[in-house]
Amino acid sequence: MPNIRLRKKRDVTPFRKIAIGTWRDAYDPSVYGYMTLDVDPALRYIEAFRRHYNKHLTMTHLVAKATAASLAACPEANAILRWNRIYLRETIDISLQVVIAEDGDASQADLSVVKVPEADRKSLLEMIDLIETRVRKIRSRQDEELEHTRQSMRWVPFLCMNLFMRTLSVLLYTFNLDLRWAGLPRDPFGSAFVTSIGSIGLEAAFVPLVPYSRVPLLVAPGAVREEAVVRDGELTVGHRMTLAATFDHRLLDGYHASVLSRTFRAWFEHPFEHFDPVPEPATEDKAT
């Protein structure tokens, strides 16, 4: 069984071929972009969802689900580069970064990843349960795969880390080998990363591509902030959020970005129509 289920992309445009030949791996083809979202509808949805399902839905969950929906709307963006050729992924898997701290000691804080497989097909309820279960296991050191990987990394000398990570990337993605027998999780990073910089108080930041992961799209939702906005010709206070993205220009370009951004905006502007079904608050509740 391969590491990832893939199919070779046959109709590669001349620009895409030039882009592949221009850059090596993910060292310098980064493109950065951001959009500002009106999140008042999303905040109303989160409140209604929590009240209806008694589940702790967050903005990060919405962003992860919207990322999956955006890739479903633009399948060409759900891709990976191997052997200098574009391969399209057959599933949409979204990864979220999780902070691990040793007994609250900031000096020992570490980052890990929770992957949601087939996120486009999962409901928010399913995503929340899966993420909460994985986070509990990771933070309590009960995730056997992760702990095996973490312990293995401790034995690799710093001088050899670059070669070690490049070798892993070649085995997992270029050769597409399933290395679970060696204690490495299958396709550990998925189609896209979501890292919530808003949870640490940042309004906006661009996250660098991680070469060995072969992930071509990173999405970073910032902190929700109050701003003066104009609605129906009147000045009022609204809630905005900056959504920053980094993508690999060998695989994604402006057209893909436009499809992804339109889908994102539609889901956040009309959350009751796109996310899990939740009774929409009455008009008087919206005003509050």
Protein backbone atom coordinates (compact mmCIF):
# COMPACT_ATOMS: atom_id res chain seq x y z
CA MET A 1 0.00 0.00 0.00
CA PRO A 2 1.45 3.44 -0.93
CA ASN A 3 1.93 6.29 1.53
CA ILE A 4 -0.67 8.47 -0.30
CA ARG A 5 -3.35 7.54 -2.86
CA LEU A 6 -2.44 9.58 -5.94
CA ARG A 7 -2.98 9.86 -9.67
CA LYS A 8 -0.58 11.54 -12.09
CA LYS A 9 -1.72 14.86 -13.57
CA ARG A 10 -1.46 14.57 -17.35
CA ASP A 11 -2.46 18.01 -18.66
CA VAL A 12 0.33 20.19 -17.25
CA THR A 13 0.44 23.76 -18.62
CA PRO A 14 3.70 25.26 -19.94
CA PHE A 15 3.80 27.77 -17.06
CA ARG A 16 3.45 25.00 -14.51
CA LYS A 17 6.29 23.08 -16.13
CA ILE A 18 8.49 26.20 -16.11
CA ALA A 19 7.61 26.81 -12.45
CA ILE A 20 8.59 23.25 -11.56
CA GLY A 21 11.92 23.69 -13.31
CA THR A 22 12.53 27.10 -11.77
CA TRP A 23 12.41 26.21 -8.07
CA ARG A 24 13.88 23.44 -5.98
CA ASP A 25 11.55 21.77 -3.48
CA ALA A 26 9.88 24.36 -1.23
CA TYR A 27 12.85 26.59 -0.47
CA ASP A 28 11.78 29.71 -2.37
CA PRO A 29 8.53 29.41 -4.38
CA SER A 30 6.45 30.94 -1.58
CA VAL A 31 3.61 33.28 -2.48
CA TYR A 32 1.85 35.20 0.29
CA GLY A 33 -1.65 36.60 0.37
CA TYR A 34 -4.29 37.61 2.84
CA MET A 35 -7.94 38.51 3.03
CA THR A 36 -10.04 40.22 5.67
CA LEU A 37 -13.24 38.41 6.60
CA ASP A 38 -16.36 39.81 8.22
CA VAL A 39 -16.81 37.20 10.94
CA ASP A 40 -19.96 38.50 12.65
CA PRO A 41 -22.04 35.81 10.86
CA ALA A 42 -19.48 33.17 11.89
CA LEU A 43 -19.56 34.35 15.52
CA ARG A 44 -23.37 34.07 15.52
CA TYR A 45 -23.04 30.60 14.01
CA ILE A 46 -20.50 29.51 16.66
CA GLU A 47 -22.81 30.70 19.44
CA ALA A 48 -25.81 28.93 17.92
CA PHE A 49 -23.79 25.74 17.31
CA ARG A 50 -22.52 25.63 20.90
CA ARG A 51 -26.02 26.17 22.24
CA HIS A 52 -27.57 23.55 19.94
CA TYR A 53 -24.93 20.79 20.13
CA ASN A 54 -23.20 21.61 23.43
CA LYS A 55 -19.81 21.33 21.67
CA HIS A 56 -16.93 23.77 21.89
CA LEU A 57 -16.77 24.95 18.28
CA THR A 58 -14.02 27.50 17.56
CA MET A 59 -13.01 29.73 14.68
CA THR A 60 -10.13 27.32 13.99
CA HIS A 61 -12.61 24.49 13.36
CA LEU A 62 -14.50 26.68 10.90
CA VAL A 63 -11.29 27.63 9.09
CA ALA A 64 -10.22 23.97 8.84
CA LYS A 65 -13.59 22.95 7.42
CA ALA A 66 -13.66 25.90 5.01
CA THR A 67 -10.13 25.01 3.86
CA ALA A 68 -11.32 21.50 3.01
CA ALA A 69 -14.38 22.90 1.23
CA SER A 70 -12.17 25.29 -0.75
CA LEU A 71 -9.92 22.46 -1.92
CA ALA A 72 -13.01 20.46 -2.87
CA ALA A 73 -14.12 23.43 -4.99
CA CYS A 74 -10.66 23.59 -6.61
CA PRO A 75 -9.36 19.99 -6.91
CA GLU A 76 -6.33 21.16 -8.94
CA ALA A 77 -5.02 22.81 -5.76
CA ASN A 78 -5.10 19.53 -3.83
CA ALA A 79 -1.76 18.43 -5.21
CA ILE A 80 1.76 17.35 -4.36
CA LEU A 81 5.02 17.49 -6.31
CA ARG A 82 7.07 14.31 -6.74
CA TRP A 83 9.62 13.33 -9.39
CA ASN A 84 9.18 16.93 -10.63
CA ARG A 85 5.63 16.03 -11.67
CA ILE A 86 2.29 17.15 -10.24
CA TYR A 87 0.16 14.48 -8.63
CA LEU A 88 -3.39 15.11 -7.44
CA ARG A 89 -4.39 13.79 -4.05
CA GLU A 90 -7.46 11.55 -3.94
CA THR A 91 -8.46 12.70 -0.45
CA ILE A 92 -8.58 16.10 1.25
CA ASP A 93 -6.81 15.84 4.60
CA ILE A 94 -6.35 18.94 6.75
CA SER A 95 -3.73 19.25 9.49
CA LEU A 96 -3.90 21.55 12.51
CA GLN A 97 -0.97 22.53 14.69
CA VAL A 98 -1.20 21.79 18.41
CA VAL A 99 0.95 23.27 21.18
CA ILE A 100 2.40 20.82 23.69
CA ALA A 101 3.87 22.13 26.94
CA GLU A 102 5.65 20.21 29.67
CA ASP A 103 3.68 21.02 32.85
CA GLY A 104 3.05 24.55 31.61
CA ASP A 105 6.79 25.20 31.13
CA ALA A 106 7.05 27.60 28.17
CA SER A 107 10.72 26.66 27.66
CA GLN A 108 9.63 23.08 26.92
CA ALA A 109 6.74 24.02 24.61
CA ASP A 110 6.63 21.96 21.43
CA LEU A 111 4.43 21.77 18.35
CA SER A 112 2.63 18.76 16.97
CA VAL A 113 0.10 18.09 14.23
CA VAL A 114 -3.42 16.67 14.27
CA LYS A 115 -4.60 15.48 10.86
CA VAL A 116 -8.27 15.30 9.93
CA PRO A 117 -8.57 12.77 7.09
CA GLU A 118 -11.22 13.39 4.43
CA ALA A 119 -12.13 16.65 6.12
CA ASP A 120 -14.37 17.70 3.24
CA ARG A 121 -16.65 14.73 3.98
CA LYS A 122 -16.72 15.15 7.75
CA SER A 123 -19.23 17.23 9.66
CA LEU A 124 -18.06 19.81 12.17
CA LEU A 125 -19.26 17.52 14.93
CA GLU A 126 -17.07 14.69 13.63
CA MET A 127 -14.11 17.02 13.24
CA ILE A 128 -14.45 18.40 16.78
CA ASP A 129 -14.62 14.92 18.32
CA LEU A 130 -11.65 13.66 16.29
CA ILE A 131 -9.51 16.72 17.08
CA GLU A 132 -10.34 16.72 20.80
CA THR A 133 -9.55 13.01 21.09
CA ARG A 134 -6.21 13.39 19.29
CA VAL A 135 -5.24 16.51 21.25
CA ARG A 136 -5.94 14.75 24.56
CA LYS A 137 -3.78 11.80 23.51
CA ILE A 138 -0.97 14.04 22.30
CA ARG A 139 -0.89 16.23 25.41
CA SER A 140 -1.07 13.24 27.75
CA ARG A 141 1.74 11.51 25.80
CA GLN A 142 -0.54 8.60 24.89
CA ASP A 143 -0.22 8.90 21.12
CA GLU A 144 2.07 5.95 20.42
CA GLU A 145 2.93 6.92 16.83
CA LEU A 146 3.85 10.47 17.81
CA GLU A 147 5.82 9.43 20.88
CA HIS A 148 7.80 6.89 18.84
CA THR A 149 8.62 9.61 16.29
CA ARG A 150 9.56 12.14 18.97
CA GLN A 151 11.88 9.68 20.69
CA SER A 152 13.49 8.73 17.38
CA MET A 153 14.22 12.40 16.63
CA ARG A 154 16.11 12.75 19.92
CA TRP A 155 18.71 10.27 18.67
CA VAL A 156 19.45 12.14 15.42
CA PRO A 157 22.49 14.45 15.80
CA PHE A 158 21.84 18.11 14.96
CA LEU A 159 24.51 17.96 12.28
CA CYS A 160 22.54 15.22 10.48
CA MET A 161 19.03 16.68 10.84
CA ASN A 162 18.93 18.35 7.39
CA LEU A 163 19.98 15.17 5.62
CA PHE A 164 17.69 13.08 7.83
CA MET A 165 14.60 15.23 7.08
CA ARG A 166 15.35 15.35 3.35
CA THR A 167 15.77 11.57 3.29
CA LEU A 168 12.45 11.07 5.09
CA SER A 169 10.74 13.39 2.62
CA VAL A 170 12.16 11.49 -0.35
CA LEU A 171 11.07 8.13 1.07
CA LEU A 172 7.57 9.28 2.11
CA TYR A 173 6.70 11.46 -0.88
CA THR A 174 9.08 11.04 -3.81
CA PHE A 175 9.03 7.23 -3.54
CA ASN A 176 5.58 7.33 -1.87
CA LEU A 177 6.45 4.58 0.61
CA ASP A 178 4.21 3.57 3.51
CA LEU A 179 6.66 3.55 6.45
CA ARG A 180 4.29 2.67 9.26
CA TRP A 181 6.35 -0.46 9.81
CA ALA A 182 9.18 1.90 10.84
CA GLY A 183 6.97 3.84 13.25
CA LEU A 184 6.24 6.76 10.89
CA PRO A 185 2.57 7.73 10.45
CA ARG A 186 1.09 7.42 7.00
CA ASP A 187 0.92 10.77 5.16
CA PRO A 188 1.31 12.72 8.41
CA PHE A 189 0.63 16.24 7.05
CA GLY A 190 -2.12 15.97 4.44
CA SER A 191 -3.26 18.53 1.87
CA ALA A 192 -3.01 21.77 3.87
CA PHE A 193 -1.93 23.16 7.24
CA VAL A 194 -4.09 25.35 9.44
CA THR A 195 -2.21 27.14 12.22
CA SER A 196 -4.21 29.48 14.43
CA ILE A 197 -1.94 32.43 15.11
CA GLY A 198 -4.94 34.22 16.60
CA SER A 199 -4.79 31.88 19.58
CA ILE A 200 -1.49 33.52 20.58
CA GLY A 201 -2.82 37.03 20.06
CA LEU A 202 -1.46 37.79 16.59
CA GLU A 203 -3.76 39.56 14.15
CA ALA A 204 -1.77 38.53 11.08
CA ALA A 205 1.35 36.54 10.18
CA PHE A 206 2.57 34.50 7.23
CA VAL A 207 3.68 30.95 7.96
CA PRO A 208 6.66 29.52 6.02
CA LEU A 209 6.36 26.48 3.81
CA VAL A 210 7.85 23.36 5.39
CA PRO A 211 9.93 21.66 2.66
CA TYR A 212 9.95 18.09 4.01
CA SER A 213 6.15 18.04 4.50
CA ARG A 214 5.43 18.75 0.79
CA VAL A 215 2.32 20.70 1.89
CA PRO A 216 1.72 23.48 -0.69
CA LEU A 217 -0.87 25.49 1.26
CA LEU A 218 -0.69 26.97 4.77
CA VAL A 219 -3.60 28.95 6.23
CA ALA A 220 -3.18 31.16 9.30
CA PRO A 221 -6.31 32.72 10.84
CA GLY A 222 -5.52 35.72 13.04
CA ALA A 223 -7.20 37.06 16.15
CA VAL A 224 -10.75 38.39 15.81
CA ARG A 225 -10.83 42.16 16.33
CA GLU A 226 -13.44 44.90 16.54
CA GLU A 227 -13.38 47.51 13.79
CA ALA A 228 -15.51 50.36 12.52
CA VAL A 229 -17.43 49.07 9.49
CA VAL A 230 -20.09 50.50 7.18
CA ARG A 231 -23.26 48.44 6.83
CA ASP A 232 -26.27 49.61 4.84
CA GLY A 233 -24.74 53.06 4.65
CA GLU A 234 -24.31 53.39 8.43
CA LEU A 235 -21.16 53.31 10.54
CA THR A 236 -21.18 50.56 13.14
CA VAL A 237 -18.84 48.20 15.00
CA GLY A 238 -18.10 44.83 13.44
CA HIS A 239 -15.77 41.89 13.96
CA ARG A 240 -13.06 41.18 11.42
CA MET A 241 -10.40 38.49 11.04
CA THR A 242 -7.35 38.44 8.79
CA LEU A 243 -6.78 35.13 7.03
CA ALA A 244 -3.17 34.86 5.82
CA ALA A 245 -2.06 32.18 3.38
CA THR A 246 1.24 30.91 2.03
CA PHE A 247 1.29 28.70 -1.04
CA ASP A 248 3.78 26.96 -3.29
CA HIS A 249 3.76 28.75 -6.67
CA ARG A 250 4.87 25.59 -8.48
CA LEU A 251 1.47 24.07 -7.69
CA LEU A 252 -0.91 26.98 -7.06
CA ASP A 253 -1.30 30.31 -8.81
CA GLY A 254 -3.63 33.31 -8.83
CA TYR A 255 -6.50 31.39 -10.41
CA HIS A 256 -6.43 28.73 -7.70
CA ALA A 257 -6.14 31.44 -5.03
CA SER A 258 -9.21 33.21 -6.42
CA VAL A 259 -11.33 30.04 -6.25
CA LEU A 260 -10.11 29.25 -2.74
CA SER A 261 -10.74 32.81 -1.49
CA ARG A 262 -14.23 33.00 -3.02
CA THR A 263 -15.19 29.73 -1.37
CA PHE A 264 -13.79 30.88 1.98
CA ARG A 265 -15.68 34.15 1.83
CA ALA A 266 -18.96 32.45 0.88
CA TRP A 267 -18.72 29.98 3.78
CA PHE A 268 -17.93 32.70 6.33
CA GLU A 269 -20.48 35.20 5.06
CA HIS A 270 -23.24 32.56 4.99
CA PRO A 271 -22.22 29.98 7.62
CA PHE A 272 -25.77 28.76 8.35
CA GLU A 273 -26.05 27.73 4.68
CA HIS A 274 -22.72 25.91 4.41
CA PHE A 275 -21.63 24.41 7.74
CA ASP A 276 -23.54 21.84 9.83
CA PRO A 277 -27.28 22.57 10.09
CA VAL A 278 -28.04 24.77 13.09
CA PRO A 279 -31.22 26.75 13.83
CA GLU A 280 -30.42 30.37 12.94
CA PRO A 281 -31.02 32.88 15.76
CA ALA A 282 -34.10 35.08 15.54
CA THR A 283 -33.70 38.59 14.17
CA GLU A 284 -33.64 40.20 17.61
CA ASP A 285 -30.88 37.81 18.70
CA LYS A 286 -28.75 38.82 15.69
CA ALA A 287 -28.92 42.45 16.72
CA THR A 288 -27.44 41.62 20.11
